[in-house]
Amino acid sequence: ARERPRYPVELELDAEAAAALRRERPAADAERLDAAPLTAAGTKRVTLDFEREAIAITLLARLAPGARVLAPERLRAELLRLGGRLCAAYGGRRRKLGSKQAAAASASPTKL
């Protein structure tokens, strides 16, 4: 049997992000989360294996700010670039809209 690819990611997680990872990741990750001790700040530091960087980005971007990537640096940098692109795409447009337009835009889904 072929071993699945491994992309280890060192994380610092608050309770909400850790709970979300328990629901969405394999049982082995839940065991790692349970075994990780709490820091003085009440977070957990743990290393989880993802299959690819793209999978890590997709999941971890949704969990911010409760999930912070400590390593690898390349993943941290990619999440930062993604955040900047999202702010440019969505933050800039909303600032230019009037308050009624911004409220309407946030209440209805964008059609492509």
Protein backbone atom coordinates (compact mmCIF):
# COMPACT_ATOMS: atom_id res chain seq x y z
CA ALA A 1 0.00 0.00 0.00
CA ARG A 2 1.23 3.45 -0.90
CA GLU A 3 1.79 5.84 2.01
CA ARG A 4 -0.13 9.12 1.75
CA PRO A 5 1.97 12.27 1.25
CA ARG A 6 2.82 14.20 4.40
CA TYR A 7 2.94 17.96 4.82
CA PRO A 8 3.59 18.63 8.53
CA VAL A 9 2.22 21.89 9.90
CA GLU A 10 2.97 23.22 13.39
CA LEU A 11 -0.07 25.04 14.77
CA GLU A 12 -1.19 27.08 17.74
CA LEU A 13 -4.93 26.59 18.26
CA ASP A 14 -7.59 28.10 20.46
CA ALA A 15 -10.37 25.82 21.76
CA GLU A 16 -12.76 26.64 18.90
CA ALA A 17 -10.19 25.91 16.17
CA ALA A 18 -9.13 22.69 17.91
CA ALA A 19 -12.77 21.55 18.07
CA ALA A 20 -13.24 22.32 14.36
CA LEU A 21 -10.13 20.31 13.47
CA ARG A 22 -11.40 17.37 15.55
CA ARG A 23 -14.59 17.38 13.45
CA GLU A 24 -12.89 17.76 10.07
CA ARG A 25 -9.65 15.81 10.32
CA PRO A 26 -8.88 12.08 10.70
CA ALA A 27 -9.05 10.37 14.10
CA ALA A 28 -5.23 10.35 14.40
CA ASP A 29 -5.29 14.16 14.41
CA ALA A 30 -7.93 14.19 17.15
CA GLU A 31 -5.63 11.97 19.22
CA ARG A 32 -2.74 14.42 18.68
CA LEU A 33 -4.97 17.32 19.67
CA ASP A 34 -6.10 15.54 22.82
CA ALA A 35 -2.50 14.74 23.78
CA ALA A 36 -1.23 18.31 23.25
CA PRO A 37 -0.81 20.19 26.52
CA LEU A 38 -2.36 23.60 27.05
CA THR A 39 -0.02 26.60 26.96
CA ALA A 40 -0.14 29.35 29.59
CA ALA A 41 -2.34 31.29 27.14
CA GLY A 42 -4.85 28.42 27.00
CA THR A 43 -3.96 27.38 23.46
CA LYS A 44 -2.62 24.09 22.14
CA ARG A 45 0.53 23.67 20.09
CA VAL A 46 0.46 20.64 17.86
CA THR A 47 1.88 19.37 14.58
CA LEU A 48 -0.62 17.85 12.16
CA ASP A 49 0.10 16.20 8.82
CA PHE A 50 -1.82 17.38 5.77
CA GLU A 51 -1.55 15.69 2.38
CA ARG A 52 -0.63 18.90 0.55
CA GLU A 53 -0.07 22.58 1.18
CA ALA A 54 -3.28 23.45 -0.72
CA ILE A 55 -5.34 21.32 1.68
CA ALA A 56 -3.75 23.03 4.68
CA ILE A 57 -4.45 26.48 3.20
CA THR A 58 -8.09 25.68 2.48
CA LEU A 59 -8.80 24.43 5.99
CA LEU A 60 -6.62 26.77 8.04
CA ALA A 61 -7.71 29.99 6.31
CA ARG A 62 -11.26 29.31 7.51
CA LEU A 63 -10.10 28.81 11.10
CA ALA A 64 -8.19 32.08 11.46
CA PRO A 65 -7.58 33.75 13.83
CA GLY A 66 -8.12 30.75 16.11
CA ALA A 67 -5.57 28.68 14.20
CA ARG A 68 -2.12 30.18 13.71
CA VAL A 69 0.53 28.47 11.61
CA LEU A 70 3.90 28.45 13.37
CA ALA A 71 5.70 26.45 10.65
CA PRO A 72 6.45 26.00 7.83
CA GLU A 73 7.22 29.62 6.99
CA ARG A 74 6.17 29.10 3.36
CA LEU A 75 2.62 28.24 4.49
CA ARG A 76 2.52 31.29 6.79
CA ALA A 77 3.59 33.48 3.87
CA GLU A 78 0.98 31.98 1.53
CA LEU A 79 -1.82 32.52 4.08
CA LEU A 80 -0.66 36.14 4.48
CA ARG A 81 -0.73 36.63 0.69
CA LEU A 82 -4.20 35.07 0.54
CA GLY A 83 -5.44 37.38 3.30
CA GLY A 84 -4.10 40.40 1.43
CA ARG A 85 -5.79 39.32 -1.80
CA LEU A 86 -9.10 38.77 0.02
CA CYS A 87 -8.89 42.19 1.69
CA ALA A 88 -8.12 43.80 -1.67
CA ALA A 89 -11.02 42.03 -3.34
CA TYR A 90 -13.62 42.54 -0.65
CA GLY A 91 -12.38 45.20 1.76
CA GLY A 92 -11.64 47.85 -0.88
CA ARG A 93 -15.02 47.53 -2.58
CA ARG A 94 -16.99 47.88 0.64
CA ARG A 95 -15.15 51.05 1.63
CA LYS A 96 -16.27 52.69 -1.63
CA LEU A 97 -19.94 51.76 -1.16
CA GLY A 98 -22.39 53.88 0.79
CA SER A 99 -23.76 52.36 4.01
CA LYS A 100 -27.06 51.25 2.37
CA GLN A 101 -25.18 49.69 -0.56
CA ALA A 102 -22.70 47.93 1.76
CA ALA A 103 -25.57 46.50 3.84
CA ALA A 104 -27.33 45.25 0.70
CA ALA A 105 -24.09 43.74 -0.65
CA SER A 106 -23.43 41.86 2.57
CA ALA A 107 -27.02 40.59 2.78
CA SER A 108 -27.19 39.11 -0.70
CA PRO A 109 -24.82 36.62 -2.34
CA THR A 110 -22.74 37.85 -5.25
CA LYS A 111 -23.78 36.49 -8.63
CA LEU A 112 -21.01 35.47 -10.98
